[in-house]
Amino acid sequence: MAVMTDGTTWLAAPHSIAFGGYHVVIARGLSPQELADRLAATLLYEAEHVIEAVGEHTGDSLLELMDNTYGDPLDGIGLRLGHAGDWTYAVAYGGWPGEFGPPAPISRDGAHVCLLEYEEENGKPVPPRFEYFHDGRLLSAFNLHLDASWGYQGVDGDPATAARLQELLTAAGLPDPERDQREVHRTALNVVETFFGLSLPKDPIVHGALPAVLLEPA
């Protein structure tokens, strides 16, 4: 079985997956199809969505398909799906910002679910964020810029888990308002990937073709 060895720190690079940022969900205990179904159920603005399989795609070819289908990729949401080792992952494309609700329901029935999200081109600007749920319960969450102007007051979640994660962030020298934000982002990703054993296979996501679906209103 393939082993995920790339870590997650590569997400901190500019436009690491696509222009606009990244929305990645990593899960343990779910198949790619189950993960896609549960993600579709968290969409906020339609009563129900269905999963339409569209074959294997690179990120660019999926965006091209969405452009041809909707007239603008931002008018739809697509997912590319994969798995390696014990983890399954879903990478969102198109108009995903602000469309997904909290991932707690995705982690029901004992699943482990991690959300990594960064609206990189949001003019506000919104910091990247991390959330980890298990069986419907938040274990930890914080913004990866550790920026007090965006409400960072430490790690939220299960007290014991959050305290251990905060200790690791402190040991890594964070928060540090003098450090470059991209380096803070990268360092924070390194802390959470080490703590939770997270990783993503960079080459298949950035350069390869993966099974893809569109999230269509029923």
C-alpha atoms as a PDB file:
ATOM      1  CA  MET A   1       0.000   0.000   0.000  1.00  0.00           C
ATOM      2  CA  ALA A   2       1.269   3.495  -0.832  1.00  0.00           C
ATOM      3  CA  VAL A   3       2.560   5.538   2.083  1.00  0.00           C
ATOM      4  CA  MET A   4       1.969   9.249   2.344  1.00  0.00           C
ATOM      5  CA  THR A   5       5.366  10.862   2.872  1.00  0.00           C
ATOM      6  CA  ASP A   6       5.025  14.439   1.655  1.00  0.00           C
ATOM      7  CA  GLY A   7       3.663  16.023   4.808  1.00  0.00           C
ATOM      8  CA  THR A   8       1.393  19.059   4.564  1.00  0.00           C
ATOM      9  CA  THR A   9       3.867  21.940   4.728  1.00  0.00           C
ATOM     10  CA  TRP A  10       3.900  22.231   0.916  1.00  0.00           C
ATOM     11  CA  LEU A  11       0.411  23.728   1.196  1.00  0.00           C
ATOM     12  CA  ALA A  12       2.012  26.931   2.493  1.00  0.00           C
ATOM     13  CA  ALA A  13       3.593  27.680  -0.906  1.00  0.00           C
ATOM     14  CA  PRO A  14       1.856  30.376  -3.017  1.00  0.00           C
ATOM     15  CA  HIS A  15      -1.069  28.864  -4.963  1.00  0.00           C
ATOM     16  CA  SER A  16       0.067  25.431  -3.817  1.00  0.00           C
ATOM     17  CA  ILE A  17      -2.958  23.652  -5.338  1.00  0.00           C
ATOM     18  CA  ALA A  18      -4.882  26.273  -7.308  1.00  0.00           C
ATOM     19  CA  PHE A  19      -5.326  30.015  -7.602  1.00  0.00           C
ATOM     20  CA  GLY A  20      -7.532  31.197  -4.767  1.00  0.00           C
ATOM     21  CA  GLY A  21      -6.205  28.892  -2.072  1.00  0.00           C
ATOM     22  CA  TYR A  22      -6.961  25.400  -0.868  1.00  0.00           C
ATOM     23  CA  HIS A  23      -9.775  23.461   0.782  1.00  0.00           C
ATOM     24  CA  VAL A  24      -8.563  19.981   1.703  1.00  0.00           C
ATOM     25  CA  VAL A  25     -10.308  17.406   3.897  1.00  0.00           C
ATOM     26  CA  ILE A  26      -8.311  14.421   5.132  1.00  0.00           C
ATOM     27  CA  ALA A  27     -10.173  11.520   6.732  1.00  0.00           C
ATOM     28  CA  ARG A  28      -9.432   8.191   8.362  1.00  0.00           C
ATOM     29  CA  GLY A  29     -12.176   5.601   8.503  1.00  0.00           C
ATOM     30  CA  LEU A  30     -13.978   6.708   5.308  1.00  0.00           C
ATOM     31  CA  SER A  31     -13.689   5.638   1.680  1.00  0.00           C
ATOM     32  CA  PRO A  32     -13.282   8.369  -0.959  1.00  0.00           C
ATOM     33  CA  GLN A  33     -16.935   7.923  -1.962  1.00  0.00           C
ATOM     34  CA  GLU A  34     -18.109   8.191   1.652  1.00  0.00           C
ATOM     35  CA  LEU A  35     -16.002  11.301   2.157  1.00  0.00           C
ATOM     36  CA  ALA A  36     -17.433  12.933  -0.976  1.00  0.00           C
ATOM     37  CA  ASP A  37     -21.006  12.059   0.057  1.00  0.00           C
ATOM     38  CA  ARG A  38     -20.533  13.490   3.533  1.00  0.00           C
ATOM     39  CA  LEU A  39     -18.896  16.645   2.193  1.00  0.00           C
ATOM     40  CA  ALA A  40     -21.804  17.178  -0.198  1.00  0.00           C
ATOM     41  CA  ALA A  41     -24.207  16.895   2.737  1.00  0.00           C
ATOM     42  CA  THR A  42     -22.475  19.803   4.510  1.00  0.00           C
ATOM     43  CA  LEU A  43     -23.068  22.306   1.691  1.00  0.00           C
ATOM     44  CA  LEU A  44     -25.002  25.225   3.129  1.00  0.00           C
ATOM     45  CA  TYR A  45     -27.192  26.703   0.402  1.00  0.00           C
ATOM     46  CA  GLU A  46     -29.075  23.790  -1.165  1.00  0.00           C
ATOM     47  CA  ALA A  47     -31.314  21.224   0.515  1.00  0.00           C
ATOM     48  CA  GLU A  48     -29.473  18.298  -1.080  1.00  0.00           C
ATOM     49  CA  HIS A  49     -26.618  17.627  -3.480  1.00  0.00           C
ATOM     50  CA  VAL A  50     -25.708  14.580  -5.501  1.00  0.00           C
ATOM     51  CA  ILE A  51     -22.276  13.363  -6.547  1.00  0.00           C
ATOM     52  CA  GLU A  52     -21.670  13.234 -10.300  1.00  0.00           C
ATOM     53  CA  ALA A  53     -18.563  11.258 -11.205  1.00  0.00           C
ATOM     54  CA  VAL A  54     -16.670  12.846 -14.125  1.00  0.00           C
ATOM     55  CA  GLY A  55     -13.693  10.492 -14.501  1.00  0.00           C
ATOM     56  CA  GLU A  56     -10.066  11.145 -13.673  1.00  0.00           C
ATOM     57  CA  HIS A  57      -8.763  14.709 -13.872  1.00  0.00           C
ATOM     58  CA  THR A  58      -5.820  16.892 -13.084  1.00  0.00           C
ATOM     59  CA  GLY A  59      -6.622  20.086 -11.226  1.00  0.00           C
ATOM     60  CA  ASP A  60      -6.386  22.080 -14.448  1.00  0.00           C
ATOM     61  CA  SER A  61      -8.560  19.698 -16.477  1.00  0.00           C
ATOM     62  CA  LEU A  62     -11.244  19.644 -13.767  1.00  0.00           C
ATOM     63  CA  LEU A  63     -11.345  23.449 -13.743  1.00  0.00           C
ATOM     64  CA  GLU A  64     -11.596  23.424 -17.550  1.00  0.00           C
ATOM     65  CA  LEU A  65     -14.493  20.953 -17.349  1.00  0.00           C
ATOM     66  CA  MET A  66     -16.215  23.164 -14.773  1.00  0.00           C
ATOM     67  CA  ASP A  67     -15.677  26.211 -16.969  1.00  0.00           C
ATOM     68  CA  ASN A  68     -17.315  24.391 -19.886  1.00  0.00           C
ATOM     69  CA  THR A  69     -20.156  23.105 -17.687  1.00  0.00           C
ATOM     70  CA  TYR A  70     -21.038  26.238 -15.719  1.00  0.00           C
ATOM     71  CA  GLY A  71     -19.572  29.067 -17.783  1.00  0.00           C
ATOM     72  CA  ASP A  72     -17.245  29.876 -14.871  1.00  0.00           C
ATOM     73  CA  PRO A  73     -15.509  27.387 -12.537  1.00  0.00           C
ATOM     74  CA  LEU A  74     -16.530  29.549  -9.574  1.00  0.00           C
ATOM     75  CA  ASP A  75     -20.171  28.743 -10.299  1.00  0.00           C
ATOM     76  CA  GLY A  76     -19.686  25.098  -9.310  1.00  0.00           C
ATOM     77  CA  ILE A  77     -17.784  22.906  -6.858  1.00  0.00           C
ATOM     78  CA  GLY A  78     -15.682  19.918  -7.806  1.00  0.00           C
ATOM     79  CA  LEU A  79     -13.667  17.449  -5.756  1.00  0.00           C
ATOM     80  CA  ARG A  80     -10.642  15.367  -6.633  1.00  0.00           C
ATOM     81  CA  LEU A  81     -10.393  12.284  -4.439  1.00  0.00           C
ATOM     82  CA  GLY A  82      -7.596   9.993  -3.375  1.00  0.00           C
ATOM     83  CA  HIS A  83      -6.238   7.768  -0.662  1.00  0.00           C
ATOM     84  CA  ALA A  84      -2.856   6.618   0.571  1.00  0.00           C
ATOM     85  CA  GLY A  85      -2.056   4.627   3.650  1.00  0.00           C
ATOM     86  CA  ASP A  86      -4.852   4.967   6.194  1.00  0.00           C
ATOM     87  CA  TRP A  87      -5.939   8.370   4.942  1.00  0.00           C
ATOM     88  CA  THR A  88      -8.480   9.480   2.361  1.00  0.00           C
ATOM     89  CA  TYR A  89      -8.444  13.010   0.996  1.00  0.00           C
ATOM     90  CA  ALA A  90     -10.719  15.346  -0.949  1.00  0.00           C
ATOM     91  CA  VAL A  91      -9.434  18.508  -2.633  1.00  0.00           C
ATOM     92  CA  ALA A  92     -12.035  21.132  -3.580  1.00  0.00           C
ATOM     93  CA  TYR A  93     -12.037  23.254  -6.755  1.00  0.00           C
ATOM     94  CA  GLY A  94     -14.200  26.113  -7.997  1.00  0.00           C
ATOM     95  CA  GLY A  95     -16.506  28.195  -5.838  1.00  0.00           C
ATOM     96  CA  TRP A  96     -15.925  26.433  -2.530  1.00  0.00           C
ATOM     97  CA  PRO A  97     -15.222  29.463  -0.241  1.00  0.00           C
ATOM     98  CA  GLY A  98     -18.029  29.916   2.252  1.00  0.00           C
ATOM     99  CA  GLU A  99     -20.036  27.009   0.836  1.00  0.00           C
ATOM    100  CA  PHE A 100     -19.243  24.195   3.284  1.00  0.00           C
ATOM    101  CA  GLY A 101     -20.602  24.002   6.810  1.00  0.00           C
ATOM    102  CA  PRO A 102     -18.612  22.731   9.800  1.00  0.00           C
ATOM    103  CA  PRO A 103     -17.044  19.303   9.212  1.00  0.00           C
ATOM    104  CA  ALA A 104     -18.206  17.803  12.514  1.00  0.00           C
ATOM    105  CA  PRO A 105     -20.934  15.651  10.849  1.00  0.00           C
ATOM    106  CA  ILE A 106     -18.366  14.194   8.445  1.00  0.00           C
ATOM    107  CA  SER A 107     -16.590  12.641  11.441  1.00  0.00           C
ATOM    108  CA  ARG A 108     -19.632  10.771  12.771  1.00  0.00           C
ATOM    109  CA  ASP A 109     -19.487   7.029  13.516  1.00  0.00           C
ATOM    110  CA  GLY A 110     -15.885   7.160  14.659  1.00  0.00           C
ATOM    111  CA  ALA A 111     -14.220   8.811  11.655  1.00  0.00           C
ATOM    112  CA  HIS A 112     -11.232  11.122  12.027  1.00  0.00           C
ATOM    113  CA  VAL A 113     -11.545  14.255   9.882  1.00  0.00           C
ATOM    114  CA  CYS A 114      -9.110  17.123   9.386  1.00  0.00           C
ATOM    115  CA  LEU A 115      -9.904  20.354   7.522  1.00  0.00           C
ATOM    116  CA  LEU A 116      -7.146  22.506   6.038  1.00  0.00           C
ATOM    117  CA  GLU A 117      -8.438  25.652   4.340  1.00  0.00           C
ATOM    118  CA  TYR A 118      -6.970  28.905   3.040  1.00  0.00           C
ATOM    119  CA  GLU A 119      -8.852  31.564   1.062  1.00  0.00           C
ATOM    120  CA  GLU A 120      -5.568  32.892  -0.288  1.00  0.00           C
ATOM    121  CA  GLU A 121      -7.041  35.555  -2.583  1.00  0.00           C
ATOM    122  CA  ASN A 122      -9.636  36.855  -0.130  1.00  0.00           C
ATOM    123  CA  GLY A 123      -8.947  40.576   0.163  1.00  0.00           C
ATOM    124  CA  LYS A 124      -9.652  40.798   3.906  1.00  0.00           C
ATOM    125  CA  PRO A 125      -7.304  38.694   4.174  1.00  0.00           C
ATOM    126  CA  VAL A 126      -8.606  35.546   5.878  1.00  0.00           C
ATOM    127  CA  PRO A 127      -5.910  33.414   7.563  1.00  0.00           C
ATOM    128  CA  PRO A 128      -5.525  29.699   6.835  1.00  0.00           C
ATOM    129  CA  ARG A 129      -7.291  27.477   9.340  1.00  0.00           C
ATOM    130  CA  PHE A 130      -7.033  23.996  10.759  1.00  0.00           C
ATOM    131  CA  GLU A 131      -9.748  21.878  12.390  1.00  0.00           C
ATOM    132  CA  TYR A 132      -9.621  18.278  13.584  1.00  0.00           C
ATOM    133  CA  PHE A 133     -12.736  16.278  14.536  1.00  0.00           C
ATOM    134  CA  HIS A 134     -13.268  12.734  15.766  1.00  0.00           C
ATOM    135  CA  ASP A 135     -16.701  11.142  16.056  1.00  0.00           C
ATOM    136  CA  GLY A 136     -18.481  14.504  15.858  1.00  0.00           C
ATOM    137  CA  ARG A 137     -16.269  16.109  18.504  1.00  0.00           C
ATOM    138  CA  LEU A 138     -13.790  18.945  17.971  1.00  0.00           C
ATOM    139  CA  LEU A 139     -10.319  17.966  19.156  1.00  0.00           C
ATOM    140  CA  SER A 140      -8.486  21.102  18.017  1.00  0.00           C
ATOM    141  CA  ALA A 141      -8.820  24.189  15.841  1.00  0.00           C
ATOM    142  CA  PHE A 142      -6.845  27.388  15.316  1.00  0.00           C
ATOM    143  CA  ASN A 143      -5.840  29.839  12.610  1.00  0.00           C
ATOM    144  CA  LEU A 144      -2.499  28.956  11.056  1.00  0.00           C
ATOM    145  CA  HIS A 145      -1.247  32.544  10.987  1.00  0.00           C
ATOM    146  CA  LEU A 146      -1.723  32.683  14.768  1.00  0.00           C
ATOM    147  CA  ASP A 147      -2.758  36.294  14.201  1.00  0.00           C
ATOM    148  CA  ALA A 148      -4.431  37.964  17.155  1.00  0.00           C
ATOM    149  CA  SER A 149      -6.184  40.434  14.846  1.00  0.00           C
ATOM    150  CA  TRP A 150      -8.182  37.442  13.568  1.00  0.00           C
ATOM    151  CA  GLY A 151      -9.126  36.242  17.009  1.00  0.00           C
ATOM    152  CA  TYR A 152      -6.312  33.798  17.757  1.00  0.00           C
ATOM    153  CA  GLN A 153      -6.426  33.157  21.480  1.00  0.00           C
ATOM    154  CA  GLY A 154      -4.753  29.770  21.486  1.00  0.00           C
ATOM    155  CA  VAL A 155      -5.969  26.380  20.320  1.00  0.00           C
ATOM    156  CA  ASP A 156      -9.672  25.543  20.759  1.00  0.00           C
ATOM    157  CA  GLY A 157     -11.127  22.080  21.276  1.00  0.00           C
ATOM    158  CA  ASP A 158     -10.652  19.205  23.691  1.00  0.00           C
ATOM    159  CA  PRO A 159      -8.722  20.713  26.619  1.00  0.00           C
ATOM    160  CA  ALA A 160      -6.052  18.019  26.856  1.00  0.00           C
ATOM    161  CA  THR A 161      -5.491  17.797  23.091  1.00  0.00           C
ATOM    162  CA  ALA A 162      -5.523  21.578  22.644  1.00  0.00           C
ATOM    163  CA  ALA A 163      -3.048  22.059  25.501  1.00  0.00           C
ATOM    164  CA  ARG A 164      -0.566  19.562  24.044  1.00  0.00           C
ATOM    165  CA  LEU A 165      -0.841  21.150  20.612  1.00  0.00           C
ATOM    166  CA  GLN A 166      -0.362  24.627  22.104  1.00  0.00           C
ATOM    167  CA  GLU A 167       2.786  23.408  23.844  1.00  0.00           C
ATOM    168  CA  LEU A 168       4.188  22.250  20.496  1.00  0.00           C
ATOM    169  CA  LEU A 169       3.356  25.579  18.835  1.00  0.00           C
ATOM    170  CA  THR A 170       5.083  27.406  21.692  1.00  0.00           C
ATOM    171  CA  ALA A 171       8.123  25.134  21.383  1.00  0.00           C
ATOM    172  CA  ALA A 172       8.253  26.013  17.666  1.00  0.00           C
ATOM    173  CA  GLY A 173       8.449  29.702  18.592  1.00  0.00           C
ATOM    174  CA  LEU A 174       4.843  30.567  17.792  1.00  0.00           C
ATOM    175  CA  PRO A 175       3.056  32.894  17.845  1.00  0.00           C
ATOM    176  CA  ASP A 176       5.699  35.312  16.561  1.00  0.00           C
ATOM    177  CA  PRO A 177       4.327  38.550  15.053  1.00  0.00           C
ATOM    178  CA  GLU A 178       7.766  39.408  13.666  1.00  0.00           C
ATOM    179  CA  ARG A 179       8.051  36.245  11.580  1.00  0.00           C
ATOM    180  CA  ASP A 180       6.955  36.137   7.937  1.00  0.00           C
ATOM    181  CA  GLN A 181       3.344  34.889   7.740  1.00  0.00           C
ATOM    182  CA  ARG A 182       4.161  32.253   5.141  1.00  0.00           C
ATOM    183  CA  GLU A 183       6.850  30.836   7.422  1.00  0.00           C
ATOM    184  CA  VAL A 184       4.392  30.885  10.343  1.00  0.00           C
ATOM    185  CA  HIS A 185       1.879  29.055   8.119  1.00  0.00           C
ATOM    186  CA  ARG A 186       4.495  26.439   7.169  1.00  0.00           C
ATOM    187  CA  THR A 187       5.681  25.974  10.742  1.00  0.00           C
ATOM    188  CA  ALA A 188       2.136  25.597  12.081  1.00  0.00           C
ATOM    189  CA  LEU A 189       1.378  22.993   9.400  1.00  0.00           C
ATOM    190  CA  ASN A 190       4.497  21.104  10.437  1.00  0.00           C
ATOM    191  CA  VAL A 191       3.331  21.085  14.051  1.00  0.00           C
ATOM    192  CA  VAL A 192      -0.123  19.681  13.268  1.00  0.00           C
ATOM    193  CA  GLU A 193       1.127  17.137  10.717  1.00  0.00           C
ATOM    194  CA  THR A 194       3.615  15.804  13.270  1.00  0.00           C
ATOM    195  CA  PHE A 195       1.100  15.774  16.115  1.00  0.00           C
ATOM    196  CA  PHE A 196      -1.689  14.039  14.190  1.00  0.00           C
ATOM    197  CA  GLY A 197       0.382  12.059  11.678  1.00  0.00           C
ATOM    198  CA  LEU A 198      -1.107  13.964   8.730  1.00  0.00           C
ATOM    199  CA  SER A 199       0.209  13.986   5.202  1.00  0.00           C
ATOM    200  CA  LEU A 200      -0.807  14.606   1.604  1.00  0.00           C
ATOM    201  CA  PRO A 201       0.811  13.175  -1.539  1.00  0.00           C
ATOM    202  CA  LYS A 202       1.925  16.319  -3.361  1.00  0.00           C
ATOM    203  CA  ASP A 203       2.725  14.892  -6.806  1.00  0.00           C
ATOM    204  CA  PRO A 204      -0.655  13.180  -7.465  1.00  0.00           C
ATOM    205  CA  ILE A 205      -2.514  16.293  -6.319  1.00  0.00           C
ATOM    206  CA  VAL A 206      -0.411  18.884  -8.135  1.00  0.00           C
ATOM    207  CA  HIS A 207       0.611  16.950 -11.265  1.00  0.00           C
ATOM    208  CA  GLY A 208      -1.407  13.725 -11.473  1.00  0.00           C
ATOM    209  CA  ALA A 209      -4.906  12.677 -12.476  1.00  0.00           C
ATOM    210  CA  LEU A 210      -7.312  11.639  -9.719  1.00  0.00           C
ATOM    211  CA  PRO A 211     -10.955  10.500  -9.655  1.00  0.00           C
ATOM    212  CA  ALA A 212     -13.130  13.616  -9.701  1.00  0.00           C
ATOM    213  CA  VAL A 213     -16.750  14.468  -8.957  1.00  0.00           C
ATOM    214  CA  LEU A 214     -18.996  17.496  -9.267  1.00  0.00           C
ATOM    215  CA  LEU A 215     -21.363  18.419  -6.432  1.00  0.00           C
ATOM    216  CA  GLU A 216     -24.675  19.024  -8.183  1.00  0.00           C
ATOM    217  CA  PRO A 217     -27.957  20.241  -6.650  1.00  0.00           C
ATOM    218  CA  ALA A 218     -30.421  17.346  -6.570  1.00  0.00           C
END
